[in-house]
Amino acid sequence: MSDQPKSYGRKSISATFKPRELMDPNARLAGVWTAQIITLFPQAFPGVLGESLTGKALKDGKWQLHTTNLRDFGVTKHRNVDETPAGGGAGMVLRPDVLGNAIEHAMQGTRGNWPLVYLSPRGRRFDQSMARAWSKADGITMLCGRFEGVDQRVLDHYNIMEVSLGDFVLTGGEIAAQAMIDATVRLLPDVLGNEESIEEESHSNGLLEHPQYTRPAEWKGRAIPDVLMSGHHGNVEKWRREMSERLTRERRPDMWDAFEARNRNKD
């Protein structure tokens, strides 16, 4: 058994009748957005989420992180969590009985709008609108897969949403989970401390972000565009909008088409 902590954020001890090996040392804080991670590698968390602004917000109790060790629910004396695929084939598949017990443990006490997600390369691609929707939920439970995936019956029984970080395959869902949580947590109230910066970011308004510059005014023969030094806020905003549109057209024609379609529908 790992002696790694399973919860992160402000501590609050409460009584429980759960077996000690399944005990979560920190009770959930009421009303605080919570990420619950089911994983074979709880020691991978909080990882980068414990650094910078997300880490500070975690320590300040603006969000919470709990991990459930899938190995705790393994079967036999070896705590096995996987079996060979039905019908044959390479690799191993996570067992439904192990996953079911872990999911029910992790979801205990969750209330309200609480998505249950499986990180899967065949799922819907994660994007900013999904992060925004998750930030308005009460919390989220993420199942990090390994090996060849999970038994389909688990996904069907619990109506689990499959979500992909992108069109590529990772060895497990932990890195994807951290990326998605980071994108979501930074949208929570008071985490960034500057709501305007969120409004201007890439993907927030359907466009890529405009180029950014700062001092010195000239570097290696390259000067900051004159309009940004003019002090004329209207011209600055016009330039930034034009640059956002140009970058989106050139680099993400799919985003540009969607942006134009939305604008046509508004007319």
C-alpha atoms as a PDB file:
ATOM      1  CA  MET A   1       0.000   0.000   0.000  1.00  0.00           C
ATOM      2  CA  SER A   2       1.191   3.493  -0.775  1.00  0.00           C
ATOM      3  CA  ASP A   3       1.460   5.948   2.077  1.00  0.00           C
ATOM      4  CA  GLN A   4       1.123   8.905  -0.274  1.00  0.00           C
ATOM      5  CA  PRO A   5      -1.492  11.494   0.742  1.00  0.00           C
ATOM      6  CA  LYS A   6      -4.760  11.109  -1.125  1.00  0.00           C
ATOM      7  CA  SER A   7      -6.137  14.621  -0.740  1.00  0.00           C
ATOM      8  CA  TYR A   8      -4.774  18.092  -1.231  1.00  0.00           C
ATOM      9  CA  GLY A   9      -5.852  21.523  -0.040  1.00  0.00           C
ATOM     10  CA  ARG A  10      -7.061  22.710   3.336  1.00  0.00           C
ATOM     11  CA  LYS A  11      -7.346  19.905   5.884  1.00  0.00           C
ATOM     12  CA  SER A  12     -10.563  18.923   7.633  1.00  0.00           C
ATOM     13  CA  ILE A  13     -10.638  15.636   9.569  1.00  0.00           C
ATOM     14  CA  SER A  14     -13.932  13.825  10.075  1.00  0.00           C
ATOM     15  CA  ALA A  15     -15.008  10.497  11.563  1.00  0.00           C
ATOM     16  CA  THR A  16     -15.617   7.548   9.222  1.00  0.00           C
ATOM     17  CA  PHE A  17     -16.482   3.857   9.282  1.00  0.00           C
ATOM     18  CA  LYS A  18     -14.511   3.072   6.112  1.00  0.00           C
ATOM     19  CA  PRO A  19     -11.644   0.583   6.351  1.00  0.00           C
ATOM     20  CA  ARG A  20      -8.376   2.415   7.099  1.00  0.00           C
ATOM     21  CA  GLU A  21      -6.815   1.485   3.761  1.00  0.00           C
ATOM     22  CA  LEU A  22      -9.681   3.252   1.962  1.00  0.00           C
ATOM     23  CA  MET A  23      -9.781   6.233   4.293  1.00  0.00           C
ATOM     24  CA  ASP A  24      -9.410   9.700   2.805  1.00  0.00           C
ATOM     25  CA  PRO A  25      -7.542  11.807   5.391  1.00  0.00           C
ATOM     26  CA  ASN A  26      -9.191  15.044   4.285  1.00  0.00           C
ATOM     27  CA  ALA A  27     -12.947  15.469   4.094  1.00  0.00           C
ATOM     28  CA  ARG A  28     -14.390  17.463   1.192  1.00  0.00           C
ATOM     29  CA  LEU A  29     -14.961  21.124   1.899  1.00  0.00           C
ATOM     30  CA  ALA A  30     -18.584  21.981   1.285  1.00  0.00           C
ATOM     31  CA  GLY A  31     -19.201  24.143  -1.747  1.00  0.00           C
ATOM     32  CA  VAL A  32     -15.633  23.942  -3.060  1.00  0.00           C
ATOM     33  CA  TRP A  33     -15.023  22.738  -6.623  1.00  0.00           C
ATOM     34  CA  THR A  34     -13.366  19.315  -6.407  1.00  0.00           C
ATOM     35  CA  ALA A  35     -11.431  17.122  -8.825  1.00  0.00           C
ATOM     36  CA  GLN A  36     -11.637  13.426  -7.889  1.00  0.00           C
ATOM     37  CA  ILE A  37      -9.087  11.264  -9.746  1.00  0.00           C
ATOM     38  CA  ILE A  38      -9.260   7.468 -10.009  1.00  0.00           C
ATOM     39  CA  THR A  39      -5.784   6.275 -10.926  1.00  0.00           C
ATOM     40  CA  LEU A  40      -3.159   3.567 -10.503  1.00  0.00           C
ATOM     41  CA  PHE A  41      -0.653   6.340  -9.836  1.00  0.00           C
ATOM     42  CA  PRO A  42      -2.005   8.659  -7.112  1.00  0.00           C
ATOM     43  CA  GLN A  43       1.560   9.814  -6.432  1.00  0.00           C
ATOM     44  CA  ALA A  44       1.459  11.597  -9.806  1.00  0.00           C
ATOM     45  CA  PHE A  45      -0.865  14.187  -8.256  1.00  0.00           C
ATOM     46  CA  PRO A  46      -1.006  17.094  -7.736  1.00  0.00           C
ATOM     47  CA  GLY A  47       2.052  17.256 -10.003  1.00  0.00           C
ATOM     48  CA  VAL A  48       2.191  20.545 -11.880  1.00  0.00           C
ATOM     49  CA  LEU A  49      -1.244  21.402 -10.464  1.00  0.00           C
ATOM     50  CA  GLY A  50       0.489  22.045  -7.149  1.00  0.00           C
ATOM     51  CA  GLU A  51       2.582  24.838  -8.679  1.00  0.00           C
ATOM     52  CA  SER A  52       2.010  28.475  -9.586  1.00  0.00           C
ATOM     53  CA  LEU A  53      -1.535  29.905  -9.475  1.00  0.00           C
ATOM     54  CA  THR A  54      -3.347  26.558  -9.441  1.00  0.00           C
ATOM     55  CA  GLY A  55      -1.130  25.399  -6.581  1.00  0.00           C
ATOM     56  CA  LYS A  56      -1.751  28.553  -4.580  1.00  0.00           C
ATOM     57  CA  ALA A  57      -5.491  28.252  -5.168  1.00  0.00           C
ATOM     58  CA  LEU A  58      -5.318  24.620  -4.028  1.00  0.00           C
ATOM     59  CA  LYS A  59      -3.551  25.600  -0.802  1.00  0.00           C
ATOM     60  CA  ASP A  60      -6.017  28.443  -0.261  1.00  0.00           C
ATOM     61  CA  GLY A  61      -8.979  26.061  -0.550  1.00  0.00           C
ATOM     62  CA  LYS A  62     -10.407  27.595  -3.735  1.00  0.00           C
ATOM     63  CA  TRP A  63     -10.521  24.078  -5.189  1.00  0.00           C
ATOM     64  CA  GLN A  64      -9.764  20.566  -3.950  1.00  0.00           C
ATOM     65  CA  LEU A  65      -8.030  17.500  -5.323  1.00  0.00           C
ATOM     66  CA  HIS A  66      -8.720  13.929  -4.134  1.00  0.00           C
ATOM     67  CA  THR A  67      -7.199  10.744  -5.493  1.00  0.00           C
ATOM     68  CA  THR A  68      -8.559   7.215  -5.337  1.00  0.00           C
ATOM     69  CA  ASN A  69      -5.949   4.476  -5.777  1.00  0.00           C
ATOM     70  CA  LEU A  70      -7.383   1.875  -8.133  1.00  0.00           C
ATOM     71  CA  ARG A  71      -4.993  -0.719  -6.714  1.00  0.00           C
ATOM     72  CA  ASP A  72      -6.821  -0.541  -3.367  1.00  0.00           C
ATOM     73  CA  PHE A  73      -9.780  -2.255  -5.052  1.00  0.00           C
ATOM     74  CA  GLY A  74      -7.757  -4.977  -6.787  1.00  0.00           C
ATOM     75  CA  VAL A  75      -8.721  -8.634  -6.453  1.00  0.00           C
ATOM     76  CA  THR A  76      -6.724 -11.609  -5.097  1.00  0.00           C
ATOM     77  CA  LYS A  77      -3.786 -11.235  -2.736  1.00  0.00           C
ATOM     78  CA  HIS A  78      -1.868  -9.533  -5.527  1.00  0.00           C
ATOM     79  CA  ARG A  79      -4.542  -6.818  -5.919  1.00  0.00           C
ATOM     80  CA  ASN A  80      -4.930  -7.469  -9.634  1.00  0.00           C
ATOM     81  CA  VAL A  81      -6.829  -4.788 -11.524  1.00  0.00           C
ATOM     82  CA  ASP A  82      -6.707  -6.149 -15.088  1.00  0.00           C
ATOM     83  CA  GLU A  83      -7.409  -9.230 -17.193  1.00  0.00           C
ATOM     84  CA  THR A  84      -6.782 -10.387 -20.752  1.00  0.00           C
ATOM     85  CA  PRO A  85      -9.251  -9.111 -23.393  1.00  0.00           C
ATOM     86  CA  ALA A  86     -12.318 -11.240 -24.083  1.00  0.00           C
ATOM     87  CA  GLY A  87     -11.946 -12.723 -27.558  1.00  0.00           C
ATOM     88  CA  GLY A  88      -8.160 -12.517 -27.413  1.00  0.00           C
ATOM     89  CA  GLY A  89      -5.712  -9.863 -28.410  1.00  0.00           C
ATOM     90  CA  ALA A  90      -2.709  -8.009 -27.064  1.00  0.00           C
ATOM     91  CA  GLY A  91      -2.542  -6.135 -23.787  1.00  0.00           C
ATOM     92  CA  MET A  92      -4.751  -6.108 -20.712  1.00  0.00           C
ATOM     93  CA  VAL A  93      -8.114  -4.539 -19.855  1.00  0.00           C
ATOM     94  CA  LEU A  94      -9.139  -2.994 -16.517  1.00  0.00           C
ATOM     95  CA  ARG A  95     -11.690  -5.237 -14.762  1.00  0.00           C
ATOM     96  CA  PRO A  96     -15.292  -4.042 -14.345  1.00  0.00           C
ATOM     97  CA  ASP A  97     -15.627  -5.237 -10.737  1.00  0.00           C
ATOM     98  CA  VAL A  98     -12.478  -3.367  -9.699  1.00  0.00           C
ATOM     99  CA  LEU A  99     -13.502  -0.225 -11.568  1.00  0.00           C
ATOM    100  CA  GLY A 100     -17.074  -0.347 -10.286  1.00  0.00           C
ATOM    101  CA  ASN A 101     -16.004  -0.471  -6.644  1.00  0.00           C
ATOM    102  CA  ALA A 102     -13.491   2.344  -7.153  1.00  0.00           C
ATOM    103  CA  ILE A 103     -16.025   4.549  -8.946  1.00  0.00           C
ATOM    104  CA  GLU A 104     -18.700   4.050  -6.292  1.00  0.00           C
ATOM    105  CA  HIS A 105     -16.167   4.865  -3.576  1.00  0.00           C
ATOM    106  CA  ALA A 106     -14.992   7.992  -5.393  1.00  0.00           C
ATOM    107  CA  MET A 107     -18.533   9.209  -6.117  1.00  0.00           C
ATOM    108  CA  GLN A 108     -19.729   8.746  -2.539  1.00  0.00           C
ATOM    109  CA  GLY A 109     -21.008  12.040  -1.182  1.00  0.00           C
ATOM    110  CA  THR A 110     -20.898  13.893  -4.518  1.00  0.00           C
ATOM    111  CA  ARG A 111     -23.915  16.039  -5.245  1.00  0.00           C
ATOM    112  CA  GLY A 112     -25.323  18.344  -7.887  1.00  0.00           C
ATOM    113  CA  ASN A 113     -23.718  18.743 -11.296  1.00  0.00           C
ATOM    114  CA  TRP A 114     -20.797  16.298 -11.154  1.00  0.00           C
ATOM    115  CA  PRO A 115     -19.557  14.867 -14.477  1.00  0.00           C
ATOM    116  CA  LEU A 116     -17.994  11.393 -14.491  1.00  0.00           C
ATOM    117  CA  VAL A 117     -15.319  11.274 -17.196  1.00  0.00           C
ATOM    118  CA  TYR A 118     -13.046   8.625 -18.701  1.00  0.00           C
ATOM    119  CA  LEU A 119      -9.884   9.941 -20.368  1.00  0.00           C
ATOM    120  CA  SER A 120      -9.946   8.123 -23.699  1.00  0.00           C
ATOM    121  CA  PRO A 121      -8.414   8.750 -27.162  1.00  0.00           C
ATOM    122  CA  ARG A 122     -11.756   7.819 -28.727  1.00  0.00           C
ATOM    123  CA  GLY A 123     -13.705  10.409 -26.734  1.00  0.00           C
ATOM    124  CA  ARG A 124     -14.937  13.876 -27.624  1.00  0.00           C
ATOM    125  CA  ARG A 125     -12.025  16.275 -27.919  1.00  0.00           C
ATOM    126  CA  PHE A 126     -11.527  18.525 -24.902  1.00  0.00           C
ATOM    127  CA  ASP A 127     -11.805  22.257 -25.615  1.00  0.00           C
ATOM    128  CA  GLN A 128     -12.283  25.618 -23.922  1.00  0.00           C
ATOM    129  CA  SER A 129     -16.068  25.398 -23.926  1.00  0.00           C
ATOM    130  CA  MET A 130     -15.869  22.061 -22.086  1.00  0.00           C
ATOM    131  CA  ALA A 131     -13.469  23.559 -19.538  1.00  0.00           C
ATOM    132  CA  ARG A 132     -15.892  26.433 -19.026  1.00  0.00           C
ATOM    133  CA  ALA A 133     -18.821  24.039 -18.500  1.00  0.00           C
ATOM    134  CA  TRP A 134     -16.822  21.948 -16.019  1.00  0.00           C
ATOM    135  CA  SER A 135     -15.818  25.067 -14.077  1.00  0.00           C
ATOM    136  CA  LYS A 136     -19.508  25.770 -13.494  1.00  0.00           C
ATOM    137  CA  ALA A 137     -20.106  22.238 -12.158  1.00  0.00           C
ATOM    138  CA  ASP A 138     -19.766  21.269  -8.495  1.00  0.00           C
ATOM    139  CA  GLY A 139     -16.808  19.028  -9.272  1.00  0.00           C
ATOM    140  CA  ILE A 140     -15.614  16.292 -11.579  1.00  0.00           C
ATOM    141  CA  THR A 141     -14.496  12.670 -11.291  1.00  0.00           C
ATOM    142  CA  MET A 142     -11.900  11.498 -13.806  1.00  0.00           C
ATOM    143  CA  LEU A 143     -11.026   7.874 -14.494  1.00  0.00           C
ATOM    144  CA  CYS A 144      -7.458   7.520 -15.759  1.00  0.00           C
ATOM    145  CA  GLY A 145      -7.178   4.446 -17.947  1.00  0.00           C
ATOM    146  CA  ARG A 146      -4.145   2.228 -18.496  1.00  0.00           C
ATOM    147  CA  PHE A 147      -3.239  -0.763 -20.655  1.00  0.00           C
ATOM    148  CA  GLU A 148      -5.780  -1.395 -23.454  1.00  0.00           C
ATOM    149  CA  GLY A 149      -8.550   0.519 -21.708  1.00  0.00           C
ATOM    150  CA  VAL A 150     -11.539  -0.336 -19.536  1.00  0.00           C
ATOM    151  CA  ASP A 151     -14.346  -2.874 -19.787  1.00  0.00           C
ATOM    152  CA  GLN A 152     -17.102  -1.304 -21.915  1.00  0.00           C
ATOM    153  CA  ARG A 153     -19.773  -2.413 -19.436  1.00  0.00           C
ATOM    154  CA  VAL A 154     -18.418   0.067 -16.900  1.00  0.00           C
ATOM    155  CA  LEU A 155     -18.775   2.966 -19.342  1.00  0.00           C
ATOM    156  CA  ASP A 156     -22.316   1.882 -20.205  1.00  0.00           C
ATOM    157  CA  HIS A 157     -23.465   1.168 -16.635  1.00  0.00           C
ATOM    158  CA  TYR A 158     -22.312   4.489 -15.170  1.00  0.00           C
ATOM    159  CA  ASN A 159     -23.022   6.506 -18.341  1.00  0.00           C
ATOM    160  CA  ILE A 160     -19.444   7.769 -18.334  1.00  0.00           C
ATOM    161  CA  MET A 161     -18.465  10.551 -20.701  1.00  0.00           C
ATOM    162  CA  GLU A 162     -15.352   9.767 -22.758  1.00  0.00           C
ATOM    163  CA  VAL A 163     -13.078  12.758 -23.361  1.00  0.00           C
ATOM    164  CA  SER A 164      -9.833  13.004 -25.342  1.00  0.00           C
ATOM    165  CA  LEU A 165      -7.015  15.505 -24.930  1.00  0.00           C
ATOM    166  CA  GLY A 166      -6.249  15.243 -28.646  1.00  0.00           C
ATOM    167  CA  ASP A 167      -5.735  12.946 -31.591  1.00  0.00           C
ATOM    168  CA  PHE A 168      -2.867  10.971 -30.116  1.00  0.00           C
ATOM    169  CA  VAL A 169      -2.399   8.146 -27.602  1.00  0.00           C
ATOM    170  CA  LEU A 170      -0.766   8.431 -24.164  1.00  0.00           C
ATOM    171  CA  THR A 171       0.283   5.552 -21.908  1.00  0.00           C
ATOM    172  CA  GLY A 172      -2.326   6.604 -19.369  1.00  0.00           C
ATOM    173  CA  GLY A 173      -4.837   9.297 -18.498  1.00  0.00           C
ATOM    174  CA  GLU A 174      -2.897  11.068 -15.742  1.00  0.00           C
ATOM    175  CA  ILE A 175      -1.186  13.677 -17.945  1.00  0.00           C
ATOM    176  CA  ALA A 176      -4.446  14.365 -19.779  1.00  0.00           C
ATOM    177  CA  ALA A 177      -6.278  14.722 -16.457  1.00  0.00           C
ATOM    178  CA  GLN A 178      -3.788  17.302 -15.202  1.00  0.00           C
ATOM    179  CA  ALA A 179      -4.039  19.314 -18.419  1.00  0.00           C
ATOM    180  CA  MET A 180      -7.848  19.333 -18.333  1.00  0.00           C
ATOM    181  CA  ILE A 181      -7.980  20.201 -14.628  1.00  0.00           C
ATOM    182  CA  ASP A 182      -5.530  23.069 -15.146  1.00  0.00           C
ATOM    183  CA  ALA A 183      -7.657  24.473 -17.982  1.00  0.00           C
ATOM    184  CA  THR A 184     -10.764  24.209 -15.783  1.00  0.00           C
ATOM    185  CA  VAL A 185      -9.414  25.432 -12.438  1.00  0.00           C
ATOM    186  CA  ARG A 186      -8.022  28.651 -13.912  1.00  0.00           C
ATOM    187  CA  LEU A 187     -11.619  29.563 -14.861  1.00  0.00           C
ATOM    188  CA  LEU A 188     -12.857  29.268 -11.275  1.00  0.00           C
ATOM    189  CA  PRO A 189     -13.617  32.569  -9.485  1.00  0.00           C
ATOM    190  CA  ASP A 190     -10.595  34.313  -7.929  1.00  0.00           C
ATOM    191  CA  VAL A 191      -8.038  31.755  -9.145  1.00  0.00           C
ATOM    192  CA  LEU A 192      -6.355  34.005 -11.726  1.00  0.00           C
ATOM    193  CA  GLY A 193      -7.350  37.261 -10.071  1.00  0.00           C
ATOM    194  CA  ASN A 194      -7.780  39.023 -13.433  1.00  0.00           C
ATOM    195  CA  GLU A 195     -11.000  38.239 -15.262  1.00  0.00           C
ATOM    196  CA  GLU A 196      -9.991  40.395 -18.251  1.00  0.00           C
ATOM    197  CA  SER A 197      -7.019  38.129 -19.010  1.00  0.00           C
ATOM    198  CA  ILE A 198      -9.412  35.191 -19.421  1.00  0.00           C
ATOM    199  CA  GLU A 199     -11.605  37.177 -21.819  1.00  0.00           C
ATOM    200  CA  GLU A 200      -8.648  37.935 -24.116  1.00  0.00           C
ATOM    201  CA  GLU A 201      -7.077  34.460 -24.214  1.00  0.00           C
ATOM    202  CA  SER A 202      -6.970  32.166 -27.216  1.00  0.00           C
ATOM    203  CA  HIS A 203     -10.218  30.203 -27.723  1.00  0.00           C
ATOM    204  CA  SER A 204     -12.212  32.327 -25.237  1.00  0.00           C
ATOM    205  CA  ASN A 205     -13.985  34.286 -27.992  1.00  0.00           C
ATOM    206  CA  GLY A 206     -13.549  31.766 -30.794  1.00  0.00           C
ATOM    207  CA  LEU A 207     -10.294  33.318 -32.027  1.00  0.00           C
ATOM    208  CA  LEU A 208      -6.605  32.808 -31.332  1.00  0.00           C
ATOM    209  CA  GLU A 209      -4.981  35.412 -29.122  1.00  0.00           C
ATOM    210  CA  HIS A 210      -3.182  38.384 -30.663  1.00  0.00           C
ATOM    211  CA  PRO A 211       0.630  38.715 -30.318  1.00  0.00           C
ATOM    212  CA  GLN A 212       1.961  40.101 -27.025  1.00  0.00           C
ATOM    213  CA  TYR A 213       4.930  42.461 -26.482  1.00  0.00           C
ATOM    214  CA  THR A 214       6.679  44.065 -23.515  1.00  0.00           C
ATOM    215  CA  ARG A 215       9.815  46.101 -22.707  1.00  0.00           C
ATOM    216  CA  PRO A 216      12.428  46.753 -23.964  1.00  0.00           C
ATOM    217  CA  ALA A 217      10.896  48.697 -26.849  1.00  0.00           C
ATOM    218  CA  GLU A 218      13.534  47.309 -29.213  1.00  0.00           C
ATOM    219  CA  TRP A 219      15.233  43.903 -29.003  1.00  0.00           C
ATOM    220  CA  LYS A 220      17.766  42.493 -31.500  1.00  0.00           C
ATOM    221  CA  GLY A 221      16.629  45.048 -34.065  1.00  0.00           C
ATOM    222  CA  ARG A 222      12.949  44.201 -33.622  1.00  0.00           C
ATOM    223  CA  ALA A 223      10.669  46.972 -32.372  1.00  0.00           C
ATOM    224  CA  ILE A 224       7.289  46.799 -30.688  1.00  0.00           C
ATOM    225  CA  PRO A 225       4.596  47.777 -33.262  1.00  0.00           C
ATOM    226  CA  ASP A 226       4.044  51.548 -33.190  1.00  0.00           C
ATOM    227  CA  VAL A 227       0.318  51.227 -32.569  1.00  0.00           C
ATOM    228  CA  LEU A 228       0.961  49.553 -29.200  1.00  0.00           C
ATOM    229  CA  MET A 229       3.138  52.483 -28.141  1.00  0.00           C
ATOM    230  CA  SER A 230       0.686  55.137 -29.360  1.00  0.00           C
ATOM    231  CA  GLY A 231      -1.474  55.307 -26.240  1.00  0.00           C
ATOM    232  CA  HIS A 232      -4.591  55.278 -28.454  1.00  0.00           C
ATOM    233  CA  HIS A 233      -6.704  52.534 -26.877  1.00  0.00           C
ATOM    234  CA  GLY A 234      -9.178  52.366 -29.747  1.00  0.00           C
ATOM    235  CA  ASN A 235      -6.443  51.758 -32.290  1.00  0.00           C
ATOM    236  CA  VAL A 236      -4.778  49.216 -30.012  1.00  0.00           C
ATOM    237  CA  GLU A 237      -7.997  47.236 -29.677  1.00  0.00           C
ATOM    238  CA  LYS A 238      -8.595  47.402 -33.439  1.00  0.00           C
ATOM    239  CA  TRP A 239      -5.047  46.135 -34.135  1.00  0.00           C
ATOM    240  CA  ARG A 240      -5.388  43.289 -31.633  1.00  0.00           C
ATOM    241  CA  ARG A 241      -8.690  42.210 -33.140  1.00  0.00           C
ATOM    242  CA  GLU A 242      -7.262  42.275 -36.680  1.00  0.00           C
ATOM    243  CA  MET A 243      -4.236  40.233 -35.598  1.00  0.00           C
ATOM    244  CA  SER A 244      -6.442  37.672 -33.822  1.00  0.00           C
ATOM    245  CA  GLU A 245      -8.542  37.256 -36.921  1.00  0.00           C
ATOM    246  CA  ARG A 246      -5.494  36.975 -39.211  1.00  0.00           C
ATOM    247  CA  LEU A 247      -3.771  34.379 -37.000  1.00  0.00           C
ATOM    248  CA  THR A 248      -6.957  32.340 -36.745  1.00  0.00           C
ATOM    249  CA  ARG A 249      -7.509  32.359 -40.505  1.00  0.00           C
ATOM    250  CA  GLU A 250      -3.909  31.332 -41.181  1.00  0.00           C
ATOM    251  CA  ARG A 251      -3.309  28.783 -38.414  1.00  0.00           C
ATOM    252  CA  ARG A 252      -6.738  27.387 -37.569  1.00  0.00           C
ATOM    253  CA  PRO A 253      -9.068  27.564 -40.576  1.00  0.00           C
ATOM    254  CA  ASP A 254     -11.427  25.191 -38.758  1.00  0.00           C
ATOM    255  CA  MET A 255     -11.815  27.726 -35.938  1.00  0.00           C
ATOM    256  CA  TRP A 256     -12.218  30.560 -38.430  1.00  0.00           C
ATOM    257  CA  ASP A 257     -15.007  28.757 -40.273  1.00  0.00           C
ATOM    258  CA  ALA A 258     -16.814  28.120 -36.980  1.00  0.00           C
ATOM    259  CA  PHE A 259     -16.330  31.758 -35.942  1.00  0.00           C
ATOM    260  CA  GLU A 260     -17.757  33.045 -39.205  1.00  0.00           C
ATOM    261  CA  ALA A 261     -20.683  30.636 -39.003  1.00  0.00           C
ATOM    262  CA  ARG A 262     -21.571  31.876 -35.507  1.00  0.00           C
ATOM    263  CA  ASN A 263     -21.433  35.482 -36.669  1.00  0.00           C
ATOM    264  CA  ARG A 264     -23.697  34.719 -39.648  1.00  0.00           C
ATOM    265  CA  ASN A 265     -26.246  33.127 -37.337  1.00  0.00           C
ATOM    266  CA  LYS A 266     -26.289  36.285 -35.187  1.00  0.00           C
ATOM    267  CA  ASP A 267     -27.167  38.475 -38.185  1.00  0.00           C
END
